[in-house]
Structure formats: structure tokens, C-alpha cells
PDB file of N, CA and C in Angstrom:
ATOM      1  N   MET A   1      84.547-166.921 -31.174  1.00  0.00           N
ATOM      2  CA  MET A   1      84.710-165.097 -31.062  1.00  0.00           C
ATOM      3  C   MET A   1      84.635-165.876 -29.852  1.00  0.00           C
ATOM      4  N   ILE A   2      83.673-166.584 -28.928  1.00  0.00           N
ATOM      5  CA  ILE A   2      83.877-166.741 -27.466  1.00  0.00           C
ATOM      6  C   ILE A   2      85.094-167.368 -27.119  1.00  0.00           C
ATOM      7  N   LYS A   3      86.476-168.000 -27.685  1.00  0.00           N
ATOM      8  CA  LYS A   3      88.013-168.791 -27.544  1.00  0.00           C
ATOM      9  C   LYS A   3      88.191-167.282 -27.827  1.00  0.00           C
ATOM     10  N   ASN A   4      88.066-166.981 -28.770  1.00  0.00           N
ATOM     11  CA  ASN A   4      89.503-165.600 -28.976  1.00  0.00           C
ATOM     12  C   ASN A   4      89.093-164.375 -27.229  1.00  0.00           C
ATOM     13  N   THR A   5      87.499-164.706 -27.316  1.00  0.00           N
ATOM     14  CA  THR A   5      87.479-164.121 -26.027  1.00  0.00           C
ATOM     15  C   THR A   5      87.630-164.110 -24.559  1.00  0.00           C
ATOM     16  N   LEU A   6      87.632-165.564 -24.507  1.00  0.00           N
ATOM     17  CA  LEU A   6      88.655-166.086 -23.268  1.00  0.00           C
ATOM     18  C   LEU A   6      90.454-165.864 -23.375  1.00  0.00           C
ATOM     19  N   LYS A   7      90.739-165.390 -24.194  1.00  0.00           N
ATOM     20  CA  LYS A   7      91.964-165.953 -24.889  1.00  0.00           C
ATOM     21  C   LYS A   7      92.657-164.851 -24.387  1.00  0.00           C
ATOM     22  N   VAL A   8      91.723-163.642 -24.789  1.00  0.00           N
ATOM     23  CA  VAL A   8      91.925-162.662 -24.101  1.00  0.00           C
ATOM     24  C   VAL A   8      91.520-162.064 -22.858  1.00  0.00           C
ATOM     25  N   PHE A   9      91.015-162.521 -22.171  1.00  0.00           N
ATOM     26  CA  PHE A   9      90.526-162.899 -21.066  1.00  0.00           C
ATOM     27  C   PHE A   9      91.208-163.126 -20.061  1.00  0.00           C
ATOM     28  N   LYS A  10      92.252-164.470 -20.248  1.00  0.00           N
ATOM     29  CA  LYS A  10      93.128-165.533 -19.707  1.00  0.00           C
ATOM     30  C   LYS A  10      94.986-163.955 -20.011  1.00  0.00           C
ATOM     31  N   ILE A  11      94.955-163.860 -21.002  1.00  0.00           N
ATOM     32  CA  ILE A  11      96.619-162.942 -21.126  1.00  0.00           C
ATOM     33  C   ILE A  11      95.814-161.399 -20.747  1.00  0.00           C
ATOM     34  N   LEU A  12      94.893-160.941 -20.555  1.00  0.00           N
ATOM     35  CA  LEU A  12      94.955-160.093 -19.421  1.00  0.00           C
ATOM     36  C   LEU A  12      95.193-160.357 -17.891  1.00  0.00           C
ATOM     37  N   ALA A  13      94.555-161.370 -17.224  1.00  0.00           N
ATOM     38  CA  ALA A  13      94.382-161.707 -16.164  1.00  0.00           C
ATOM     39  C   ALA A  13      95.932-162.013 -15.595  1.00  0.00           C
ATOM     40  N   PHE A  14      96.503-162.418 -16.767  1.00  0.00           N
ATOM     41  CA  PHE A  14      98.234-162.877 -16.516  1.00  0.00           C
ATOM     42  C   PHE A  14      98.540-161.574 -15.980  1.00  0.00           C
ATOM     43  N   ILE A  15      98.481-159.802 -17.486  1.00  0.00           N
ATOM     44  CA  ILE A  15      99.317-159.448 -16.936  1.00  0.00           C
ATOM     45  C   ILE A  15      99.179-158.437 -15.875  1.00  0.00           C
ATOM     46  N   ILE A  16      97.833-158.607 -15.322  1.00  0.00           N
ATOM     47  CA  ILE A  16      97.248-158.371 -13.932  1.00  0.00           C
ATOM     48  C   ILE A  16      98.028-158.515 -13.075  1.00  0.00           C
ATOM     49  N   LEU A  17      97.928-159.914 -13.023  1.00  0.00           N
ATOM     50  CA  LEU A  17      98.338-160.957 -11.495  1.00  0.00           C
ATOM     51  C   LEU A  17     100.188-160.429 -11.579  1.00  0.00           C
ATOM     52  N   THR A  18     101.162-160.143 -13.426  1.00  0.00           N
ATOM     53  CA  THR A  18     102.505-160.257 -12.975  1.00  0.00           C
ATOM     54  C   THR A  18     102.627-158.545 -12.688  1.00  0.00           C
ATOM     55  N   TRP A  19     101.837-157.987 -12.992  1.00  0.00           N
ATOM     56  CA  TRP A  19     102.094-156.401 -12.496  1.00  0.00           C
ATOM     57  C   TRP A  19     102.027-156.374 -10.813  1.00  0.00           C
ATOM     58  N   PHE A  20     100.820-156.329 -10.086  1.00  0.00           N
ATOM     59  CA  PHE A  20      99.291-157.376  -9.142  1.00  0.00           C
ATOM     60  C   PHE A  20     101.836-156.996  -7.588  1.00  0.00           C
ATOM     61  N   LEU A  21     101.811-158.985  -8.691  1.00  0.00           N
ATOM     62  CA  LEU A  21     102.838-159.980  -8.050  1.00  0.00           C
ATOM     63  C   LEU A  21     104.169-158.620  -7.576  1.00  0.00           C
ATOM     64  N   GLY A  22     104.944-158.017  -8.849  1.00  0.00           N
ATOM     65  CA  GLY A  22     105.828-157.636  -9.273  1.00  0.00           C
ATOM     66  C   GLY A  22     105.705-156.026  -8.076  1.00  0.00           C
ATOM     67  N   HIS A  23     104.697-155.110  -8.227  1.00  0.00           N
ATOM     68  CA  HIS A  23     104.620-154.582  -7.252  1.00  0.00           C
ATOM     69  C   HIS A  23     104.243-154.831  -5.700  1.00  0.00           C
ATOM     70  N   SER A  24     103.756-155.837  -5.926  1.00  0.00           N
ATOM     71  CA  SER A  24     103.996-156.533  -3.835  1.00  0.00           C
ATOM     72  C   SER A  24     105.220-156.845  -3.800  1.00  0.00           C
ATOM     73  N   ILE A  25     106.824-157.536  -4.621  1.00  0.00           N
ATOM     74  CA  ILE A  25     107.790-157.638  -4.085  1.00  0.00           C
ATOM     75  C   ILE A  25     108.309-156.815  -4.056  1.00  0.00           C
ATOM     76  N   PHE A  26     108.078-155.275  -4.630  1.00  0.00           N
ATOM     77  CA  PHE A  26     108.813-154.222  -4.977  1.00  0.00           C
ATOM     78  C   PHE A  26     108.831-154.127  -3.162  1.00  0.00           C
ATOM     79  N   ILE A  27     107.140-153.427  -3.215  1.00  0.00           N
ATOM     80  CA  ILE A  27     107.079-153.192  -1.789  1.00  0.00           C
ATOM     81  C   ILE A  27     107.652-154.372  -0.068  1.00  0.00           C
ATOM     82  N   VAL A  28     107.436-155.382  -0.326  1.00  0.00           N
ATOM     83  CA  VAL A  28     107.947-156.495   0.548  1.00  0.00           C
ATOM     84  C   VAL A  28     110.009-155.875   0.585  1.00  0.00           C
ATOM     85  N   TYR A  29     110.254-155.705  -0.494  1.00  0.00           N
ATOM     86  CA  TYR A  29     111.937-155.317  -0.830  1.00  0.00           C
ATOM     87  C   TYR A  29     111.926-153.712   0.415  1.00  0.00           C
ATOM     88  N   ASP A  30     111.605-153.040  -0.224  1.00  0.00           N
ATOM     89  CA  ASP A  30     111.952-151.853   0.099  1.00  0.00           C
ATOM     90  C   ASP A  30     111.182-151.463   1.840  1.00  0.00           C
ATOM     91  N   GLY A  31     110.253-152.042   1.999  1.00  0.00           N
ATOM     92  CA  GLY A  31     110.043-152.241   3.490  1.00  0.00           C
ATOM     93  C   GLY A  31     110.870-152.323   4.340  1.00  0.00           C
ATOM     94  N   LEU A  32     111.619-153.636   3.468  1.00  0.00           N
ATOM     95  CA  LEU A  32     112.729-154.601   4.347  1.00  0.00           C
ATOM     96  C   LEU A  32     113.981-153.881   4.060  1.00  0.00           C
ATOM     97  N   SER A  33     113.968-153.381   3.196  1.00  0.00           N
ATOM     98  CA  SER A  33     115.683-152.573   3.133  1.00  0.00           C
ATOM     99  C   SER A  33     115.454-151.454   3.616  1.00  0.00           C
ATOM    100  N   ASP A  34     115.227-150.502   5.248  1.00  0.00           N
ATOM    101  CA  ASP A  34     115.077-149.372   5.741  1.00  0.00           C
ATOM    102  C   ASP A  34     116.595-149.554   6.018  1.00  0.00           C
ATOM    103  N   ASN A  35     117.009-147.944   5.711  1.00  0.00           N
ATOM    104  CA  ASN A  35     118.356-147.107   5.949  1.00  0.00           C
ATOM    105  C   ASN A  35     118.387-147.346   7.720  1.00  0.00           C
ATOM    106  N   GLY A  36     116.914-147.162   8.205  1.00  0.00           N
ATOM    107  CA  GLY A  36     116.988-146.285   9.132  1.00  0.00           C
ATOM    108  C   GLY A  36     116.895-144.705   9.540  1.00  0.00           C
ATOM    109  N   THR A  37     117.548-144.151   8.604  1.00  0.00           N
ATOM    110  CA  THR A  37     117.725-143.036   8.499  1.00  0.00           C
ATOM    111  C   THR A  37     116.607-142.140   9.298  1.00  0.00           C
ATOM    112  N   LYS A  38     117.244-140.812  10.318  1.00  0.00           N
ATOM    113  CA  LYS A  38     116.050-139.758  10.668  1.00  0.00           C
ATOM    114  C   LYS A  38     114.958-139.265   9.429  1.00  0.00           C
ATOM    115  N   ALA A  39     113.667-139.189  10.046  1.00  0.00           N
ATOM    116  CA  ALA A  39     112.815-138.189   9.413  1.00  0.00           C
ATOM    117  C   ALA A  39     112.109-137.084   9.417  1.00  0.00           C
ATOM    118  N   ASP A  40     112.534-136.626   8.593  1.00  0.00           N
ATOM    119  CA  ASP A  40     112.462-135.675   8.043  1.00  0.00           C
ATOM    120  C   ASP A  40     111.244-134.545   8.965  1.00  0.00           C
ATOM    121  N   LEU A  41     109.681-135.277   8.585  1.00  0.00           N
ATOM    122  CA  LEU A  41     108.819-134.757   9.470  1.00  0.00           C
ATOM    123  C   LEU A  41     107.825-136.335   9.906  1.00  0.00           C
ATOM    124  N   ALA A  42     107.022-135.962  10.339  1.00  0.00           N
ATOM    125  CA  ALA A  42     105.914-137.255  11.087  1.00  0.00           C
ATOM    126  C   ALA A  42     104.590-136.905  10.670  1.00  0.00           C
ATOM    127  N   VAL A  43     104.036-137.898  10.185  1.00  0.00           N
ATOM    128  CA  VAL A  43     102.349-137.857  10.127  1.00  0.00           C
ATOM    129  C   VAL A  43     100.828-138.311  11.321  1.00  0.00           C
ATOM    130  N   ILE A  44     100.847-137.402  12.129  1.00  0.00           N
ATOM    131  CA  ILE A  44      99.827-138.459  12.992  1.00  0.00           C
ATOM    132  C   ILE A  44      99.122-138.017  12.965  1.00  0.00           C
ATOM    133  N   LEU A  45      97.773-139.096  12.553  1.00  0.00           N
ATOM    134  CA  LEU A  45      96.306-139.003  12.152  1.00  0.00           C
ATOM    135  C   LEU A  45      95.033-139.001  13.074  1.00  0.00           C
ATOM    136  N   GLY A  46      94.906-137.904  13.184  1.00  0.00           N
ATOM    137  CA  GLY A  46      93.197-137.953  14.071  1.00  0.00           C
ATOM    138  C   GLY A  46      94.080-136.701  14.959  1.00  0.00           C
ATOM    139  N   ASN A  47      95.490-136.143  14.336  1.00  0.00           N
ATOM    140  CA  ASN A  47      95.488-135.077  15.403  1.00  0.00           C
ATOM    141  C   ASN A  47      94.927-133.574  14.814  1.00  0.00           C
ATOM    142  N   LYS A  48      94.613-132.943  15.426  1.00  0.00           N
ATOM    143  CA  LYS A  48      94.061-131.216  15.041  1.00  0.00           C
ATOM    144  C   LYS A  48      94.518-130.303  15.087  1.00  0.00           C
ATOM    145  N   VAL A  49      94.980-129.442  13.838  1.00  0.00           N
ATOM    146  CA  VAL A  49      95.777-128.428  13.706  1.00  0.00           C
ATOM    147  C   VAL A  49      94.836-127.344  13.939  1.00  0.00           C
ATOM    148  N   ASN A  50      95.315-126.242  15.058  1.00  0.00           N
ATOM    149  CA  ASN A  50      94.884-125.247  15.493  1.00  0.00           C
ATOM    150  C   ASN A  50      95.500-124.300  14.447  1.00  0.00           C
ATOM    151  N   GLU A  51      94.435-122.718  14.704  1.00  0.00           N
ATOM    152  CA  GLU A  51      94.431-121.596  13.347  1.00  0.00           C
ATOM    153  C   GLU A  51      95.760-120.944  13.450  1.00  0.00           C
ATOM    154  N   ASP A  52      96.499-121.256  14.871  1.00  0.00           N
ATOM    155  CA  ASP A  52      97.497-120.202  14.781  1.00  0.00           C
ATOM    156  C   ASP A  52      98.049-121.632  14.522  1.00  0.00           C
ATOM    157  N   GLY A  53      98.405-122.916  13.984  1.00  0.00           N
ATOM    158  CA  GLY A  53     100.276-123.346  13.071  1.00  0.00           C
ATOM    159  C   GLY A  53     100.699-124.725  14.455  1.00  0.00           C
ATOM    160  N   THR A  54      99.879-124.704  15.789  1.00  0.00           N
ATOM    161  CA  THR A  54     100.377-125.618  17.106  1.00  0.00           C
ATOM    162  C   THR A  54      99.116-126.752  16.608  1.00  0.00           C
ATOM    163  N   LEU A  55     100.276-128.176  17.364  1.00  0.00           N
ATOM    164  CA  LEU A  55      99.279-128.777  17.047  1.00  0.00           C
ATOM    165  C   LEU A  55      98.384-128.595  18.592  1.00  0.00           C
ATOM    166  N   SER A  56      97.138-128.821  18.721  1.00  0.00           N
ATOM    167  CA  SER A  56      96.167-129.605  19.815  1.00  0.00           C
ATOM    168  C   SER A  56      96.963-131.040  21.035  1.00  0.00           C
ATOM    169  N   LYS A  57      96.471-130.943  22.290  1.00  0.00           N
ATOM    170  CA  LYS A  57      97.266-131.603  22.990  1.00  0.00           C
ATOM    171  C   LYS A  57      96.650-133.109  22.973  1.00  0.00           C
TER     172      LYS A  57
END
């Protein structure tokens, strides 16, 4: 019983680790292969939007 639980845990840990490494590699590759085109918008964290839709100073 304990051996089966340990085997399932090892398989699950391997799947999660493989998933994590695959996504990490994709994120790094995607970040390094930026084509540098102009963006349609920008996000400014901490800036307030007034009620009329304009940004605060």
C-alpha cells in the first residue's frame, strides 16, 4: 500500500516538474524573442483614472 502511494507520488511529482520546466522554458523563449513592435496600449500601475476618463497627473 505504501509502495503504491509512493510510486503515485513520484509520478505526480515528475509530471508537475515537467510541466513547470516546460512552461518556464516557453516563458523565457517568448521573452527573449521579442520583435520590438509598437504596443497598442500601456499599463501604468498605481495611476488613478478620473471620472471623466482622463488620467491623473
